[in-house]
Amino acid sequence: MPPLFMQAALTLEFANPAKPALFKSVSPLRFDLPFFYGLFEDLIWIVMFDRKDGIRITHSPSGGGGAPGRRTTNPAWDFQYLIPEYEAARTYELRVRTVFRPRCSRDDVLKEYDSWLRP
């Protein structure tokens, strides 16, 4: 699927940039393939996107609040679909697939992603 737009260096501006928020933080890390996954006990949750352009993956180790019974925090896993120079009343689409399955290897996660995009 061809991209709707080519993602150029996008500078986001905020009314109160000093106030921290997950959606305003920028990590130096970048992804090669547009997906992320997380582990919980013997399960894995995979979130896959059909494109790189416009996808911004965000994660906070404690953003979901505490889990005192487990003596840990609940991470927040989020994404943003950024469309620079959007047109009002135009339809934009993004395909996302989530998989919740027994824990598997990274190679199996890559196979899951590949099988979704290239059936």
C-alpha atoms as a PDB file:
ATOM      1  CA  MET A   1       0.000   0.000   0.000  1.00  0.00           C
ATOM      2  CA  PRO A   2       1.559   3.338  -0.963  1.00  0.00           C
ATOM      3  CA  PRO A   3       1.795   5.923   1.802  1.00  0.00           C
ATOM      4  CA  LEU A   4      -0.675   8.795   1.903  1.00  0.00           C
ATOM      5  CA  PHE A   5       2.195  11.159   2.492  1.00  0.00           C
ATOM      6  CA  MET A   6       5.893  11.003   3.031  1.00  0.00           C
ATOM      7  CA  GLN A   7       6.700  11.767   6.650  1.00  0.00           C
ATOM      8  CA  ALA A   8       9.029  14.734   6.728  1.00  0.00           C
ATOM      9  CA  ALA A   9      10.699  15.957   9.865  1.00  0.00           C
ATOM     10  CA  LEU A  10       7.655  17.053  11.809  1.00  0.00           C
ATOM     11  CA  THR A  11       7.973  19.563  14.606  1.00  0.00           C
ATOM     12  CA  LEU A  12       5.083  19.467  17.065  1.00  0.00           C
ATOM     13  CA  GLU A  13       4.320  22.601  19.055  1.00  0.00           C
ATOM     14  CA  PHE A  14       2.507  22.653  22.407  1.00  0.00           C
ATOM     15  CA  ALA A  15       0.916  25.439  24.433  1.00  0.00           C
ATOM     16  CA  ASN A  16       2.753  24.393  27.606  1.00  0.00           C
ATOM     17  CA  PRO A  17       5.904  22.521  26.488  1.00  0.00           C
ATOM     18  CA  ALA A  18       7.419  22.454  29.979  1.00  0.00           C
ATOM     19  CA  LYS A  19       4.591  20.347  31.438  1.00  0.00           C
ATOM     20  CA  PRO A  20       5.560  16.687  30.864  1.00  0.00           C
ATOM     21  CA  ALA A  21       3.175  14.389  29.007  1.00  0.00           C
ATOM     22  CA  LEU A  22       3.612  11.111  27.172  1.00  0.00           C
ATOM     23  CA  PHE A  23       2.420  12.516  23.847  1.00  0.00           C
ATOM     24  CA  LYS A  24       4.990  15.361  24.012  1.00  0.00           C
ATOM     25  CA  SER A  25       8.050  13.302  24.906  1.00  0.00           C
ATOM     26  CA  VAL A  26      10.382  12.281  22.106  1.00  0.00           C
ATOM     27  CA  SER A  27      12.715   9.321  22.409  1.00  0.00           C
ATOM     28  CA  PRO A  28      15.957   8.983  20.490  1.00  0.00           C
ATOM     29  CA  LEU A  29      14.883   5.391  19.666  1.00  0.00           C
ATOM     30  CA  ARG A  30      13.417   4.682  16.218  1.00  0.00           C
ATOM     31  CA  PHE A  31      11.715   1.588  14.817  1.00  0.00           C
ATOM     32  CA  ASP A  32      12.538  -0.340  11.655  1.00  0.00           C
ATOM     33  CA  LEU A  33       9.175  -2.085  11.429  1.00  0.00           C
ATOM     34  CA  PRO A  34       5.927  -0.477  12.610  1.00  0.00           C
ATOM     35  CA  PHE A  35       4.909  -2.727  15.499  1.00  0.00           C
ATOM     36  CA  PHE A  36       5.423  -3.107  19.225  1.00  0.00           C
ATOM     37  CA  TYR A  37       4.796  -5.842  21.734  1.00  0.00           C
ATOM     38  CA  GLY A  38       4.764  -6.390  25.449  1.00  0.00           C
ATOM     39  CA  LEU A  39       4.901  -9.370  27.747  1.00  0.00           C
ATOM     40  CA  PHE A  40       2.690 -10.199  30.698  1.00  0.00           C
ATOM     41  CA  GLU A  41       3.343 -13.447  32.527  1.00  0.00           C
ATOM     42  CA  ASP A  42       2.989 -16.148  29.856  1.00  0.00           C
ATOM     43  CA  LEU A  43       1.223 -13.923  27.294  1.00  0.00           C
ATOM     44  CA  ILE A  44       2.330 -11.476  24.628  1.00  0.00           C
ATOM     45  CA  TRP A  45       0.404  -8.546  23.139  1.00  0.00           C
ATOM     46  CA  ILE A  46       1.468  -7.436  19.646  1.00  0.00           C
ATOM     47  CA  VAL A  47       0.264  -4.239  17.936  1.00  0.00           C
ATOM     48  CA  MET A  48       1.083  -3.967  14.217  1.00  0.00           C
ATOM     49  CA  PHE A  49       0.557  -1.097  11.762  1.00  0.00           C
ATOM     50  CA  ASP A  50       0.300  -1.210   7.981  1.00  0.00           C
ATOM     51  CA  ARG A  51       2.758   1.672   7.488  1.00  0.00           C
ATOM     52  CA  LYS A  52       5.572   3.647   9.076  1.00  0.00           C
ATOM     53  CA  ASP A  53       4.583   7.092   7.814  1.00  0.00           C
ATOM     54  CA  GLY A  54       2.707   9.059  10.416  1.00  0.00           C
ATOM     55  CA  ILE A  55       3.021   6.445  13.172  1.00  0.00           C
ATOM     56  CA  ARG A  56       4.483   7.571  16.466  1.00  0.00           C
ATOM     57  CA  ILE A  57       4.736   4.834  19.100  1.00  0.00           C
ATOM     58  CA  THR A  58       4.746   5.987  22.713  1.00  0.00           C
ATOM     59  CA  HIS A  59       5.455   4.078  25.890  1.00  0.00           C
ATOM     60  CA  SER A  60       5.640   4.982  29.545  1.00  0.00           C
ATOM     61  CA  PRO A  61       6.850   2.452  32.123  1.00  0.00           C
ATOM     62  CA  SER A  62       4.459   3.843  34.738  1.00  0.00           C
ATOM     63  CA  GLY A  63       1.834   5.699  32.712  1.00  0.00           C
ATOM     64  CA  GLY A  64      -0.921   3.196  33.461  1.00  0.00           C
ATOM     65  CA  GLY A  65      -0.561   3.686  37.217  1.00  0.00           C
ATOM     66  CA  GLY A  66       0.592   1.398  39.968  1.00  0.00           C
ATOM     67  CA  ALA A  67      -0.144  -2.252  40.609  1.00  0.00           C
ATOM     68  CA  PRO A  68       0.610  -2.546  44.356  1.00  0.00           C
ATOM     69  CA  GLY A  69      -0.516  -6.170  44.564  1.00  0.00           C
ATOM     70  CA  ARG A  70       2.139  -7.094  42.027  1.00  0.00           C
ATOM     71  CA  ARG A  71       4.673  -4.596  43.416  1.00  0.00           C
ATOM     72  CA  THR A  72       5.096  -3.016  39.989  1.00  0.00           C
ATOM     73  CA  THR A  73       3.600  -0.420  37.663  1.00  0.00           C
ATOM     74  CA  ASN A  74       1.343  -0.774  34.647  1.00  0.00           C
ATOM     75  CA  PRO A  75       2.989   0.510  31.491  1.00  0.00           C
ATOM     76  CA  ALA A  76       1.077   2.712  29.075  1.00  0.00           C
ATOM     77  CA  TRP A  77       1.354   1.636  25.440  1.00  0.00           C
ATOM     78  CA  ASP A  78       0.017   4.165  22.976  1.00  0.00           C
ATOM     79  CA  PHE A  79       0.404   5.347  19.432  1.00  0.00           C
ATOM     80  CA  GLN A  80      -0.410   8.459  17.476  1.00  0.00           C
ATOM     81  CA  TYR A  81      -1.285   8.739  13.813  1.00  0.00           C
ATOM     82  CA  LEU A  82       0.045  12.117  12.726  1.00  0.00           C
ATOM     83  CA  ILE A  83      -1.169  13.640   9.479  1.00  0.00           C
ATOM     84  CA  PRO A  84       0.683  16.845   8.634  1.00  0.00           C
ATOM     85  CA  GLU A  85      -1.166  19.279   6.407  1.00  0.00           C
ATOM     86  CA  TYR A  86      -4.406  17.308   6.654  1.00  0.00           C
ATOM     87  CA  GLU A  87      -7.477  18.226   4.656  1.00  0.00           C
ATOM     88  CA  ALA A  88     -10.799  18.760   6.414  1.00  0.00           C
ATOM     89  CA  ALA A  89     -13.581  16.366   5.357  1.00  0.00           C
ATOM     90  CA  ARG A  90     -11.083  13.940   3.785  1.00  0.00           C
ATOM     91  CA  THR A  91     -11.121  10.333   4.977  1.00  0.00           C
ATOM     92  CA  TYR A  92      -7.831   8.925   6.246  1.00  0.00           C
ATOM     93  CA  GLU A  93      -7.349   5.251   7.033  1.00  0.00           C
ATOM     94  CA  LEU A  94      -4.916   3.278   9.107  1.00  0.00           C
ATOM     95  CA  ARG A  95      -4.950  -0.500   9.409  1.00  0.00           C
ATOM     96  CA  VAL A  96      -3.895  -1.889  12.775  1.00  0.00           C
ATOM     97  CA  ARG A  97      -3.852  -5.492  13.926  1.00  0.00           C
ATOM     98  CA  THR A  98      -3.503  -6.653  17.503  1.00  0.00           C
ATOM     99  CA  VAL A  99      -2.611 -10.168  18.584  1.00  0.00           C
ATOM    100  CA  PHE A 100      -2.871 -11.550  22.106  1.00  0.00           C
ATOM    101  CA  ARG A 101      -1.324 -14.983  22.367  1.00  0.00           C
ATOM    102  CA  PRO A 102       0.909 -17.202  24.475  1.00  0.00           C
ATOM    103  CA  ARG A 103       4.419 -15.818  24.860  1.00  0.00           C
ATOM    104  CA  CYS A 104       6.641 -16.479  21.848  1.00  0.00           C
ATOM    105  CA  SER A 105      10.075 -15.579  20.514  1.00  0.00           C
ATOM    106  CA  ARG A 106      10.929 -12.357  18.691  1.00  0.00           C
ATOM    107  CA  ASP A 107      11.322 -14.451  15.526  1.00  0.00           C
ATOM    108  CA  ASP A 108       7.709 -15.589  15.948  1.00  0.00           C
ATOM    109  CA  VAL A 109       6.602 -11.964  16.426  1.00  0.00           C
ATOM    110  CA  LEU A 110       8.363 -11.064  13.165  1.00  0.00           C
ATOM    111  CA  LYS A 111       6.642 -13.995  11.420  1.00  0.00           C
ATOM    112  CA  GLU A 112       3.280 -12.821  12.789  1.00  0.00           C
ATOM    113  CA  TYR A 113       3.888  -9.343  11.376  1.00  0.00           C
ATOM    114  CA  ASP A 114       5.110 -10.673   8.034  1.00  0.00           C
ATOM    115  CA  SER A 115       2.164 -13.079   7.659  1.00  0.00           C
ATOM    116  CA  TRP A 116      -0.286 -10.217   8.274  1.00  0.00           C
ATOM    117  CA  LEU A 117       1.200  -7.897   5.641  1.00  0.00           C
ATOM    118  CA  ARG A 118       2.118 -10.587   3.111  1.00  0.00           C
ATOM    119  CA  PRO A 119      -0.589 -13.283   3.259  1.00  0.00           C
END
